C-alpha atoms as a PDB file:
ATOM      1  CA  MET A   1       4.885  -4.254 -16.377  1.00  0.00           C
ATOM      2  CA  LEU A   2       1.345  -3.609 -15.689  1.00  0.00           C
ATOM      3  CA  ILE A   3       1.456  -5.464 -12.530  1.00  0.00           C
ATOM      4  CA  LEU A   4       4.156  -3.342 -11.094  1.00  0.00           C
ATOM      5  CA  LYS A   5       2.348  -0.188 -11.985  1.00  0.00           C
ATOM      6  CA  VAL A   6      -0.590  -1.564 -10.103  1.00  0.00           C
ATOM      7  CA  ILE A   7       1.453  -2.399  -7.080  1.00  0.00           C
ATOM      8  CA  PHE A   8       3.102   1.219  -7.370  1.00  0.00           C
ATOM      9  CA  VAL A   9      -0.364   2.764  -7.146  1.00  0.00           C
ATOM     10  CA  ILE A  10      -1.632   0.741  -4.415  1.00  0.00           C
ATOM     11  CA  PHE A  11       1.646   1.571  -2.409  1.00  0.00           C
ATOM     12  CA  VAL A  12       1.174   5.286  -2.932  1.00  0.00           C
ATOM     13  CA  VAL A  13      -2.235   5.235  -1.732  1.00  0.00           C
ATOM     14  CA  ALA A  14      -1.820   2.784   1.167  1.00  0.00           C
ATOM     15  CA  VAL A  15       1.401   4.117   2.387  1.00  0.00           C
ATOM     16  CA  GLY A  16       1.876   7.551   0.990  1.00  0.00           C
ATOM     17  CA  ILE A  17      -1.194   9.156   2.171  1.00  0.00           C
ATOM     18  CA  PRO A  18      -0.449   8.057   5.760  1.00  0.00           C
ATOM     19  CA  CYS A  19       3.285   8.986   5.715  1.00  0.00           C
ATOM     20  CA  GLN A  20       2.191  12.595   4.507  1.00  0.00           C
ATOM     21  CA  ILE A  21      -0.437  12.811   7.503  1.00  0.00           C
ATOM     22  CA  ILE A  22       2.272  11.680   9.942  1.00  0.00           C
ATOM     23  CA  ASP A  23       4.995  14.053   8.393  1.00  0.00           C
ATOM     24  CA  TYR A  24       2.508  16.978   8.559  1.00  0.00           C
ATOM     25  CA  ARG A  25       1.849  16.355  12.182  1.00  0.00           C
ATOM     26  CA  HIS A  26       5.615  16.308  13.000  1.00  0.00           C
ATOM     27  CA  ARG A  27       6.335  19.287  10.940  1.00  0.00           C
ATOM     28  CA  LYS A  28       3.424  21.262  12.436  1.00  0.00           C
ATOM     29  CA  MET A  29       4.993  20.732  15.900  1.00  0.00           C
ATOM     30  CA  ASN A  30       8.351  21.852  14.619  1.00  0.00           C
ATOM     31  CA  ALA A  31       9.848  18.409  15.735  1.00  0.00           C
ATOM     32  CA  TYR A  32      12.703  18.571  13.183  1.00  0.00           C
ATOM     33  CA  GLN A  33      14.489  21.105  11.001  1.00  0.00           C
ATOM     34  CA  PRO A  34      13.915  21.046   7.312  1.00  0.00           C
ATOM     35  CA  GLY A  35      16.097  18.595   5.535  1.00  0.00           C
ATOM     36  CA  SER A  36      16.676  16.274   8.591  1.00  0.00           C
ATOM     37  CA  GLY A  37      13.512  14.171   8.397  1.00  0.00           C
ATOM     38  CA  TRP A  38      15.461  11.052   7.691  1.00  0.00           C
ATOM     39  CA  SER A  39      17.523  11.254  10.939  1.00  0.00           C
ATOM     40  CA  TYR A  40      14.495  12.447  12.970  1.00  0.00           C
ATOM     41  CA  TYR A  41      12.448   9.349  12.008  1.00  0.00           C
ATOM     42  CA  SER A  42      15.332   7.070  12.181  1.00  0.00           C
ATOM     43  CA  ARG A  43      15.825   8.261  15.790  1.00  0.00           C
ATOM     44  CA  LEU A  44      12.170   7.681  16.377  1.00  0.00           C
ATOM     45  CA  LYS A  45      12.489   4.178  15.158  1.00  0.00           C
ATOM     46  CA  ARG A  46      15.354   3.419  17.446  1.00  0.00           C
ATOM     47  CA  GLU A  47      13.371   4.645  20.274  1.00  0.00           C
ATOM     48  CA  GLY A  48      10.484   2.203  19.324  1.00  0.00           C
ATOM     49  CA  LYS A  49       7.966   4.677  18.167  1.00  0.00           C
ATOM     50  CA  TRP A  50       5.492   3.344  15.725  1.00  0.00           C
ATOM     51  CA  GLU A  51       5.459   6.349  13.641  1.00  0.00           C
ATOM     52  CA  GLY A  52       9.337   6.205  13.123  1.00  0.00           C
ATOM     53  CA  LYS A  53       9.038   2.431  12.296  1.00  0.00           C
ATOM     54  CA  PHE A  54       6.285   3.094   9.873  1.00  0.00           C
ATOM     55  CA  MET A  55       8.164   6.128   7.963  1.00  0.00           C
ATOM     56  CA  MET A  56      11.435   4.320   7.810  1.00  0.00           C
ATOM     57  CA  ASN A  57       9.904   1.075   6.753  1.00  0.00           C
ATOM     58  CA  SER A  58       7.848   2.710   4.118  1.00  0.00           C
ATOM     59  CA  ALA A  59      10.831   4.600   2.892  1.00  0.00           C
ATOM     60  CA  TYR A  60      12.802   1.373   2.368  1.00  0.00           C
ATOM     61  CA  MET A  61       9.910  -0.221   0.704  1.00  0.00           C
ATOM     62  CA  ALA A  62       9.673   2.750  -1.644  1.00  0.00           C
ATOM     63  CA  LEU A  63      13.467   2.633  -2.559  1.00  0.00           C
ATOM     64  CA  ALA A  64      12.935  -1.009  -3.199  1.00  0.00           C
ATOM     65  CA  LEU A  65       9.960  -0.381  -5.536  1.00  0.00           C
ATOM     66  CA  VAL A  66      11.968   2.367  -7.376  1.00  0.00           C
ATOM     67  CA  LEU A  67      14.944   0.117  -7.790  1.00  0.00           C
ATOM     68  CA  SER A  68      12.826  -2.881  -9.083  1.00  0.00           C
ATOM     69  CA  MET A  69      10.884  -0.500 -11.569  1.00  0.00           C
ATOM     70  CA  ALA A  70      14.408   0.725 -12.745  1.00  0.00           C
ATOM     71  CA  GLY A  71      15.549  -2.822 -13.117  1.00  0.00           C
ATOM     72  CA  LEU A  72      12.494  -3.885 -15.048  1.00  0.00           C
ATOM     73  CA  LEU A  73      12.698  -0.999 -17.457  1.00  0.00           C
ATOM     74  CA  ALA A  74      16.328  -1.697 -18.028  1.00  0.00           C
ATOM     75  CA  ALA A  75      15.572  -5.427 -18.792  1.00  0.00           C
ATOM     76  CA  HIS A  76      12.545  -4.282 -21.051  1.00  0.00           C
ATOM     77  CA  PHE A  77      14.813  -1.759 -23.000  1.00  0.00           C
ATOM     78  CA  TYR A  78      17.672  -4.168 -23.159  1.00  0.00           C
ATOM     79  CA  HIS A  79      15.370  -7.044 -24.502  1.00  0.00           C
ATOM     80  CA  HIS A  80      13.905  -4.749 -27.334  1.00  0.00           C
ATOM     81  CA  ALA A  81      17.395  -3.183 -28.324  1.00  0.00           C
END
């Protein structure tokens, strides 16, 4: 469980901060309407832009980390029940 926490912190620092910087720059340019960031970065990824690829891949990695954390917590609680 500790190793997953360490991976989570490393992911947040290594990927979360650049994502915030990229998103700030695009919101500052009013590139997309509030609430439509996923479709905007998905379109950028399809167009081959590195920022779109980075944002979408980091979103998929974050979802995988959250699901793995939930699975490990469920297994931990099931084992101790």
